[in-house]
Protein backbone atom coordinates (compact mmCIF):
# COMPACT_ATOMS: atom_id res chain seq x y z
CA MET A 1 -42.33 3.91 80.82
CA LYS A 2 -44.26 6.78 81.83
CA MET A 3 -47.04 8.38 79.31
CA LYS A 4 -45.63 11.25 79.08
CA ASN A 5 -42.34 9.78 77.98
CA LEU A 6 -44.01 7.52 75.64
CA VAL A 7 -45.58 9.80 73.52
CA VAL A 8 -42.77 11.54 73.33
CA PHE A 9 -40.72 8.62 72.08
CA ILE A 10 -43.38 7.81 69.48
CA ILE A 11 -43.10 11.09 68.06
CA ILE A 12 -39.46 11.24 67.61
CA ILE A 13 -39.98 8.16 66.06
CA GLY A 14 -42.21 9.23 63.38
CA LEU A 15 -40.43 12.19 62.66
CA SER A 16 -37.44 10.10 62.17
CA VAL A 17 -39.65 7.50 60.13
CA GLY A 18 -41.19 10.97 58.17
CA LEU A 19 -37.25 12.80 57.29
CA VAL A 20 -36.53 9.04 55.70
CA LEU A 21 -39.63 8.49 53.55
CA LEU A 22 -39.66 12.89 52.64
CA PRO A 23 -38.91 13.38 49.02
CA GLY A 24 -35.06 14.09 47.79
CA CYS A 25 -33.88 12.58 51.28
CA LYS A 26 -31.48 9.20 50.61
CA LYS A 27 -30.58 6.66 53.13
CA ARG A 28 -26.72 7.28 52.92
CA GLU A 29 -25.37 3.82 51.24
CA SER A 30 -27.99 4.72 48.20
CA ILE A 31 -25.51 7.51 47.43
CA LYS A 32 -23.55 6.61 44.27
CA GLN A 33 -20.10 7.52 43.61
CA GLU A 34 -19.50 9.59 40.84
CA ILE A 35 -16.59 8.72 38.24
CA TYR A 36 -15.80 11.56 35.69
CA LEU A 37 -14.95 10.18 32.25
CA MET A 38 -13.53 12.34 29.06
CA ASP A 39 -14.09 10.78 25.95
CA LEU A 40 -13.86 11.40 22.10
CA GLY A 41 -16.75 13.40 20.86
CA ILE A 42 -17.73 12.14 18.04
CA PRO A 43 -21.52 11.66 17.38
CA GLU A 44 -21.28 7.84 16.11
CA TYR A 45 -19.15 6.94 18.86
CA MET A 46 -21.12 9.12 21.25
CA LYS A 47 -24.73 7.40 21.23
CA TRP A 48 -22.70 3.76 21.18
CA MET A 49 -20.75 4.39 24.37
CA SER A 50 -23.75 5.94 26.15
CA GLY A 51 -25.26 2.71 25.76
CA ALA A 52 -21.39 1.10 27.15
CA ILE A 53 -21.94 3.52 29.88
CA LYS A 54 -25.87 2.49 30.83
CA ASN A 55 -24.87 -0.70 31.16
CA PHE A 56 -22.01 -0.17 32.91
CA GLU A 57 -23.94 1.32 35.52
CA GLU A 58 -26.81 -1.37 35.95
CA LYS A 59 -23.74 -3.51 36.62
CA HIS A 60 -22.10 -1.23 39.18
CA PRO A 61 -25.33 0.88 41.13
CA GLU A 62 -22.80 1.88 43.06
CA PHE A 63 -21.52 4.52 40.51
CA LYS A 64 -22.71 7.08 38.20
CA VAL A 65 -20.81 8.18 35.25
CA LYS A 66 -20.58 11.40 34.53
CA ALA A 67 -19.10 11.31 30.73
CA GLU A 68 -17.91 14.67 28.70
CA TYR A 69 -16.92 14.55 25.04
CA VAL A 70 -14.55 16.39 23.25
CA SER A 71 -14.30 17.08 19.88
CA GLY A 72 -11.13 17.08 18.16
CA GLY A 73 -9.77 14.81 20.86
CA THR A 74 -9.26 15.50 24.58
CA TYR A 75 -5.28 16.16 24.40
CA ASN A 76 -5.66 20.02 24.79
CA LYS A 77 -8.43 19.97 27.17
CA PHE A 78 -7.39 17.62 29.45
CA LEU A 79 -3.99 20.07 29.70
CA VAL A 80 -6.20 22.60 31.20
CA GLN A 81 -7.63 20.91 33.51
CA LEU A 82 -4.52 19.19 34.68
CA ALA A 83 -3.39 22.55 35.29
CA GLY A 84 -6.19 23.61 37.27
CA GLY A 85 -6.47 20.51 39.46
CA THR A 86 -9.76 19.38 38.22
CA PRO A 87 -8.85 16.56 36.05
CA PRO A 88 -10.86 13.28 35.14
CA ASP A 89 -10.89 10.44 36.89
CA VAL A 90 -11.04 8.40 32.98
CA ILE A 91 -9.32 9.81 30.18
CA ASN A 92 -9.65 8.18 26.41
CA ILE A 93 -6.03 9.37 25.04
CA ASN A 94 -3.51 8.37 21.88
CA ASP A 95 -0.61 7.14 21.95
CA THR A 96 1.41 10.68 20.31
CA VAL A 97 0.55 11.97 23.86
CA TYR A 98 1.44 9.34 26.18
CA PRO A 99 5.03 10.18 26.79
CA ASP A 100 4.54 14.02 26.91
CA LEU A 101 2.74 12.73 29.74
CA ILE A 102 3.74 9.89 31.72
CA TYR A 103 7.15 11.54 31.75
CA ARG A 104 4.83 14.74 33.42
CA ASN A 105 3.23 12.27 36.08
CA ALA A 106 -0.04 13.26 34.26
CA PHE A 107 -1.15 9.64 34.47
CA MET A 108 -1.23 7.03 37.94
CA PRO A 109 1.01 3.71 37.00
CA LEU A 110 -1.83 0.88 36.67
CA ASP A 111 -0.24 -1.95 38.15
CA LYS A 112 -0.99 -2.13 41.39
CA PHE A 113 -4.64 -1.92 40.52
CA ILE A 114 -3.76 -5.31 37.85
CA GLN A 115 -2.21 -7.30 40.82
CA LYS A 116 -4.99 -6.23 42.98
CA ASP A 117 -7.36 -7.82 40.79
CA LYS A 118 -5.44 -10.00 38.56
CA PHE A 119 -6.17 -8.14 35.49
CA SER A 120 -5.22 -10.53 32.73
CA LEU A 121 -2.93 -8.61 30.35
CA GLY A 122 -2.26 -11.90 28.41
CA ASP A 123 -5.30 -11.46 25.81
CA PHE A 124 -3.96 -7.62 24.80
CA LYS A 125 -2.47 -7.46 21.72
CA PRO A 126 1.61 -6.95 22.67
CA SER A 127 2.18 -4.38 19.72
CA ALA A 128 -0.60 -2.26 21.69
CA LEU A 129 0.05 -2.55 25.29
CA LYS A 130 3.76 -1.61 24.62
CA TYR A 131 2.10 1.39 23.62
CA CYS A 132 0.69 1.52 27.15
CA THR A 133 4.23 0.53 28.52
CA PHE A 134 7.23 2.56 30.30
CA ASP A 135 10.01 1.80 32.03
CA ASN A 136 8.56 -1.49 32.38
CA THR A 137 5.12 0.24 34.35
CA ILE A 138 1.64 0.25 32.99
CA TYR A 139 -0.26 3.98 32.49
CA VAL A 140 -2.75 3.11 30.01
CA ILE A 141 -4.86 -0.02 29.26
CA PRO A 142 -5.55 0.09 25.02
CA MET A 143 -9.33 -0.05 24.00
CA PHE A 144 -8.23 -0.15 20.25
CA THR A 145 -5.00 -0.04 17.97
CA GLY A 146 -4.54 0.69 14.20
CA SER A 147 -2.25 1.64 11.49
CA ILE A 148 -2.06 3.77 8.09
CA VAL A 149 -2.73 1.35 4.96
CA ILE A 150 -3.11 1.75 1.65
CA PHE A 151 -7.20 1.79 0.40
CA TYR A 152 -7.40 1.48 -3.88
CA ASN A 153 -10.38 1.53 -6.26
CA LYS A 154 -10.15 -1.92 -7.90
CA ASN A 155 -12.01 -0.97 -10.81
CA ILE A 156 -8.88 1.91 -11.85
CA PHE A 157 -6.55 -1.22 -11.09
CA ARG A 158 -8.68 -3.38 -13.88
CA GLU A 159 -9.39 -0.78 -16.41
CA ALA A 160 -4.99 0.21 -16.24
CA GLY A 161 -4.58 -4.35 -16.74
CA ILE A 162 -2.04 -4.33 -13.42
CA ALA A 163 -3.14 -6.88 -10.25
CA PHE A 164 -4.25 -5.95 -7.22
CA PRO A 165 -1.33 -5.49 -4.92
CA ARG A 166 -0.64 -7.60 -1.45
CA ASP A 167 0.63 -7.25 1.89
CA GLY A 168 4.88 -7.66 1.33
CA TRP A 169 4.45 -5.28 -2.06
CA ASN A 170 8.34 -4.45 -2.18
CA TRP A 171 9.52 -0.11 -3.00
CA ASP A 172 10.20 -1.38 -6.42
CA GLU A 173 7.10 -2.84 -7.26
CA PHE A 174 5.08 0.55 -5.76
CA ARG A 175 7.27 2.37 -7.35
CA GLU A 176 6.72 0.45 -10.81
CA VAL A 177 2.50 0.59 -10.12
CA CYS A 178 2.50 4.15 -9.65
CA ARG A 179 4.29 4.85 -12.37
CA ARG A 180 1.45 2.80 -14.50
CA LEU A 181 -1.29 4.65 -12.74
CA THR A 182 -0.44 8.14 -13.16
CA MET A 183 -1.80 8.69 -16.35
CA ASP A 184 -3.06 11.85 -18.91
CA LYS A 185 -6.04 10.38 -20.34
CA ASP A 186 -7.09 12.90 -22.50
CA GLY A 187 -4.01 13.85 -24.28
CA ASP A 188 -3.55 17.48 -23.14
CA GLY A 189 -0.37 17.00 -21.46
CA LYS A 190 -1.78 17.15 -18.07
CA ILE A 191 -2.39 14.33 -15.69
CA ASP A 192 -5.85 13.14 -15.40
CA GLN A 193 -5.20 10.16 -13.02
CA TYR A 194 -2.50 10.42 -9.85
CA ALA A 195 -1.83 7.43 -8.61
CA ILE A 196 -2.07 7.61 -4.57
CA ASP A 197 -3.08 10.88 -2.71
CA GLY A 198 -1.26 10.41 1.14
CA TRP A 199 2.16 10.02 2.09
CA GLY A 200 2.79 12.11 4.63
CA LEU A 201 5.02 12.21 7.58
CA LEU A 202 3.48 9.08 9.30
CA ASN A 203 3.61 7.27 5.93
CA TRP A 204 7.18 7.97 5.35
CA TYR A 205 8.88 7.89 8.62
CA PRO A 206 8.44 4.02 8.68
CA MET A 207 10.13 3.45 5.80
CA ILE A 208 13.23 4.85 6.98
CA LEU A 209 13.36 2.32 9.41
CA GLN A 210 12.73 -0.23 7.00
CA ASN A 211 16.03 0.90 5.18
CA GLY A 212 18.15 0.60 8.49
CA GLY A 213 17.84 4.24 9.37
CA TYR A 214 16.44 6.26 12.68
CA ILE A 215 14.68 9.49 13.38
CA ILE A 216 15.70 8.64 17.14
CA SER A 217 18.73 6.55 17.94
CA PRO A 218 17.44 3.24 19.40
CA ASP A 219 18.81 4.66 23.14
CA LYS A 220 16.68 7.31 22.52
CA LYS A 221 19.48 10.16 22.68
CA SER A 222 20.20 11.40 19.60
CA CYS A 223 18.41 11.90 16.44
CA LEU A 224 19.85 10.15 13.15
CA ILE A 225 17.67 11.83 10.69
CA ASN A 226 20.98 12.56 8.38
CA SER A 227 22.45 8.96 8.27
CA PRO A 228 22.87 8.03 4.93
CA GLU A 229 20.42 5.53 5.13
CA SER A 230 18.24 7.84 6.17
CA ILE A 231 18.43 10.37 3.00
CA GLU A 232 18.56 6.86 1.08
CA ALA A 233 15.28 6.53 2.21
CA MET A 234 13.76 9.98 1.97
CA LYS A 235 15.45 10.83 -1.33
CA PHE A 236 12.82 7.83 -2.60
CA ILE A 237 10.05 9.54 -1.47
CA GLN A 238 11.07 12.40 -2.75
CA ASP A 239 11.39 11.12 -6.15
CA LEU A 240 8.10 10.13 -5.80
CA PHE A 241 6.37 13.70 -5.64
CA VAL A 242 9.40 15.54 -7.95
CA LYS A 243 10.20 13.21 -10.30
CA ASP A 244 8.08 10.57 -11.44
CA LYS A 245 5.09 12.80 -9.76
CA VAL A 246 3.06 10.19 -8.46
CA ILE A 247 1.84 11.53 -5.78
CA VAL A 248 -0.90 14.10 -5.51
CA SER A 249 0.58 17.08 -3.41
CA GLU A 250 0.52 20.72 -2.97
CA GLN A 251 2.97 21.18 -6.00
CA VAL A 252 1.19 19.01 -8.60
CA SER A 253 -2.35 20.11 -8.11
CA PRO A 254 -3.64 22.19 -5.48
CA ALA A 255 -7.11 22.04 -6.11
CA LEU A 256 -6.96 18.35 -6.24
CA LYS A 257 -5.08 18.02 -2.64
CA GLN A 258 -7.88 20.30 -1.23
CA MET A 259 -10.94 17.71 -2.42
CA GLY A 260 -9.29 15.08 0.03
CA GLY A 261 -8.66 11.54 -0.63
CA ALA A 262 -11.82 9.92 -0.74
CA ALA A 263 -13.90 12.24 -2.90
CA MET A 264 -10.63 11.96 -4.98
CA MET A 265 -10.55 8.23 -5.18
CA THR A 266 -14.55 7.93 -5.60
CA ASN A 267 -14.33 10.33 -8.29
CA GLY A 268 -11.42 8.62 -10.03
CA LYS A 269 -8.65 11.21 -9.64
CA VAL A 270 -6.80 8.91 -7.70
CA ALA A 271 -6.25 4.94 -7.39
CA MET A 272 -5.20 4.85 -4.04
CA THR A 273 -5.18 6.49 -0.69
CA THR A 274 -3.95 6.30 2.39
CA ALA A 275 -6.02 6.39 5.97
CA GLY A 276 -6.53 4.49 9.00
CA PHE A 277 -9.36 1.78 9.00
CA GLY A 278 -12.30 4.53 9.18
CA GLY A 279 -11.04 5.57 5.61
CA TYR A 280 -13.60 2.87 4.34
CA MET A 281 -16.77 4.98 5.09
CA GLY A 282 -15.72 7.39 2.74
CA PHE A 283 -16.08 5.80 -0.48
CA PRO A 284 -19.22 2.96 0.05
CA ASP A 285 -19.76 3.54 -3.41
CA ILE A 286 -17.00 2.17 -5.64
CA ASP A 287 -14.87 -1.20 -5.37
CA TRP A 288 -12.12 -0.95 -3.01
CA ASP A 289 -9.55 -3.13 -0.90
CA MET A 290 -7.01 -2.55 1.18
CA VAL A 291 -2.96 -3.44 1.55
CA ALA A 292 -0.40 -2.82 3.68
CA PRO A 293 2.30 0.16 2.76
CA PRO A 294 5.08 -1.85 0.97
CA GLU A 295 8.37 -2.98 2.50
CA ARG A 296 12.16 -2.23 1.86
CA LYS A 297 13.27 -5.51 -0.17
CA GLY A 298 15.27 -7.04 2.72
CA GLY A 299 14.88 -4.98 4.93
CA ARG A 300 13.20 -4.51 8.79
CA ARG A 301 9.28 -5.23 8.59
CA VAL A 302 8.11 -1.79 10.04
CA PHE A 303 4.54 0.14 9.87
CA HIS A 304 3.34 3.05 11.07
CA GLY A 305 0.50 2.18 13.91
CA GLY A 306 -1.36 3.97 16.89
CA CYS A 307 -3.30 3.47 20.12
CA TRP A 308 -6.29 4.33 22.22
CA GLY A 309 -7.14 4.10 25.76
CA TYR A 310 -7.57 5.00 29.17
CA ALA A 311 -6.17 5.84 31.29
CA ILE A 312 -6.64 7.61 35.44
CA PRO A 313 -5.18 10.76 35.58
CA THR A 314 -3.02 11.96 38.59
CA GLY A 315 -4.97 13.85 41.13
CA ALA A 316 -8.27 12.15 39.99
CA LYS A 317 -10.75 11.88 42.92
CA ASN A 318 -12.07 8.57 42.67
CA PRO A 319 -9.17 6.45 40.83
CA LYS A 320 -10.90 3.03 42.17
CA GLY A 321 -13.93 3.72 40.68
CA GLY A 322 -11.78 4.87 37.61
CA TRP A 323 -10.13 1.81 37.27
CA GLU A 324 -13.69 -0.47 37.44
CA LEU A 325 -14.78 1.83 34.54
CA ILE A 326 -11.07 0.84 32.58
CA LYS A 327 -11.71 -2.67 33.06
CA TYR A 328 -15.42 -2.80 31.82
CA LEU A 329 -14.64 -0.47 28.65
CA THR A 330 -11.83 -1.97 27.52
CA SER A 331 -13.02 -5.94 28.19
CA LYS A 332 -13.86 -8.66 25.76
CA GLU A 333 -17.30 -7.89 25.37
CA ILE A 334 -17.15 -4.19 25.83
CA GLN A 335 -14.81 -4.45 22.72
CA SER A 336 -16.89 -7.00 20.61
CA ASN A 337 -19.57 -5.04 21.66
CA MET A 338 -18.76 -1.82 19.77
CA LEU A 339 -17.55 -4.01 16.31
CA LYS A 340 -21.34 -4.75 15.97
CA ASN A 341 -22.65 -1.52 16.57
CA TYR A 342 -19.35 1.71 15.54
CA PRO A 343 -16.34 -0.13 14.29
CA MET A 344 -14.22 2.74 14.80
CA ASP A 345 -10.88 0.61 14.75
CA MET A 346 -8.83 -2.57 15.47
CA PRO A 347 -9.99 -4.13 19.07
CA THR A 348 -6.75 -4.27 21.01
CA ARG A 349 -7.60 -8.05 22.43
CA ASP A 350 -6.49 -10.93 19.99
CA SER A 351 -9.80 -12.50 20.88
CA VAL A 352 -11.91 -10.34 19.45
CA ILE A 353 -9.66 -10.25 16.49
CA PRO A 354 -11.78 -12.93 14.54
CA GLU A 355 -14.92 -10.81 14.79
CA PHE A 356 -12.99 -7.82 13.30
CA ILE A 357 -11.45 -9.89 9.97
CA ALA A 358 -15.48 -11.09 9.44
CA LEU A 359 -16.75 -7.64 9.29
CA MET A 360 -15.99 -7.45 6.02
CA ARG A 361 -15.13 -11.07 4.20
CA ASP A 362 -15.00 -9.69 1.03
CA LYS A 363 -12.30 -7.14 1.45
CA HIS A 364 -8.64 -7.76 2.64
CA ILE A 365 -9.26 -6.09 6.59
CA GLY A 366 -6.26 -8.89 7.65
CA SER A 367 -3.93 -6.64 5.41
CA TYR A 368 -5.08 -3.56 8.35
CA VAL A 369 -4.10 -6.32 11.51
CA TYR A 370 -0.57 -7.38 9.30
CA ALA A 371 0.35 -3.75 9.68
CA ALA A 372 -0.85 -2.95 13.19
CA THR A 373 1.29 -5.82 13.98
CA TYR A 374 4.60 -3.71 13.15
CA PRO A 375 4.47 -0.56 14.33
CA ASN A 376 6.66 1.67 15.34
CA TYR A 377 7.57 3.32 18.59
CA ASP A 378 10.15 5.76 17.74
CA PHE A 379 8.48 8.34 19.39
CA GLN A 380 8.20 6.98 23.08
CA ILE A 381 10.50 9.89 24.15
CA LYS A 382 10.52 12.74 26.29
CA ARG A 383 9.22 16.15 24.39
CA SER A 384 7.71 13.67 21.42
CA SER A 385 5.21 16.79 20.77
CA GLU A 386 7.78 18.82 20.44
CA VAL A 387 10.20 16.20 18.52
CA PHE A 388 7.82 15.95 15.88
CA SER A 389 6.73 19.00 15.22
CA SER A 390 10.62 19.79 14.32
CA LEU A 391 10.01 17.66 11.19
CA GLU A 392 8.08 19.92 9.48
CA GLU A 393 10.49 21.71 7.46
CA LEU A 394 11.84 18.42 6.20
CA GLU A 395 8.86 17.06 5.70
CA PHE A 396 8.19 19.70 3.12
CA VAL A 397 11.08 19.37 1.45
CA VAL A 398 10.89 15.76 0.70
CA ARG A 399 7.13 16.39 -0.60
CA GLY A 400 8.58 18.56 -2.86
CA VAL A 401 6.47 21.42 -1.16
CA THR A 402 9.50 23.93 -0.63
CA LYS A 403 13.18 23.31 -2.42
CA GLY A 404 16.02 22.92 -0.40
CA ASP A 405 19.04 20.51 -0.12
CA LEU A 406 18.12 17.31 1.83
CA THR A 407 21.19 16.08 3.31
CA GLU A 408 21.44 19.96 4.45
CA VAL A 409 17.79 20.63 5.79
CA ALA A 410 17.82 16.67 7.44
CA SER A 411 21.56 17.67 9.33
CA LYS A 412 19.35 21.44 10.57
CA THR A 413 16.76 19.06 11.80
CA ALA A 414 18.93 16.50 13.29
CA GLN A 415 20.83 19.15 15.16
CA LYS A 416 17.21 21.13 16.24
CA ILE A 417 16.01 17.71 17.67
CA ASN A 418 19.07 16.86 19.60
CA ASN A 419 19.21 19.96 21.14
CA ILE A 420 14.73 19.70 22.30
CA LEU A 421 15.88 15.81 23.67
CA GLY A 422 18.96 17.68 25.64
CA LYS A 423 16.85 19.51 27.51
CA LYS A 424 16.26 18.89 31.44
């Protein structure tokens, strides 16, 4: 090689090496793939999730997770992004909106990912997986699941000489306990202590199912809220509100209702309140426990249930990266870690349930597991949000907030829901 050409060659090589070493210049293989995650905007949860994401990135250096946390739930913001063609790669969302989104093709089926990686679903609770499966296709991998149970102040039960309730208690036993716990303590003719707060729609519609009734028929084609079995169950609940006046409502005590169930139970205004697992955080200073809601004697065993899980939206830019993140966030390792650091709700993996129960050995957390094992799936239908909203007028009558003939309002509601179900 001639000296002139050699000099030129050396200069070119030197410039190339210099460019590689310049600040800000990266080798092609070092560029990370971004995974856009939309998750829940709860402060303590966000803190825990940040640590989990950092651990994921250490294990998967090819990825960089961009997390966006949304207060009040991810649904509304997701709809805007979906319409604009800019959905996240992974979204944490709950079962109440699964049906609407899945029927609108908002989520990618996950079966191909599951089959390709031989991702085992055997450790997940069947009751949780059922929320995530439509037409034998899985669209969501569940992260945590749960129910609504009854929390109670043990001291109030002791003072009244009433045995602590246990899972499997029936409607009549529940009603008798409620009557005994509702008291005018100072003799001024006004109730000072109510039995229970809550008992809204999510509490009373499982009682319809326990009684052999339905809100939506098993074939998902019609509304049966006006059937004799459904009316009988709603009449029982209405009597608790209107006749027995054992439940705090807007009618019997507007001021107390605004106080909130946890505060009422802490201050001795109610003996019981209904809530999901996180409800325990509201009364750390009293001697409390929990029990599953009452059951219809000889009836179907069913309670309210719920599920949060991860899905890959249709149109996601990095679905493969999203799937890797989902596998990690729903793993046994992460579900166990979440329990140790921020026990938001019940894990969906059966192998982690013993750790969940061991969180509070002096409480009957098994009651929560029991209730969550028998959930209702009535709202796994098209236009589920519309159907759910259509029950509002009937709920107000059941709770005694507004007056009206229960049978007439139920028939009116059934017609309204049938019209919704009939839409294409």
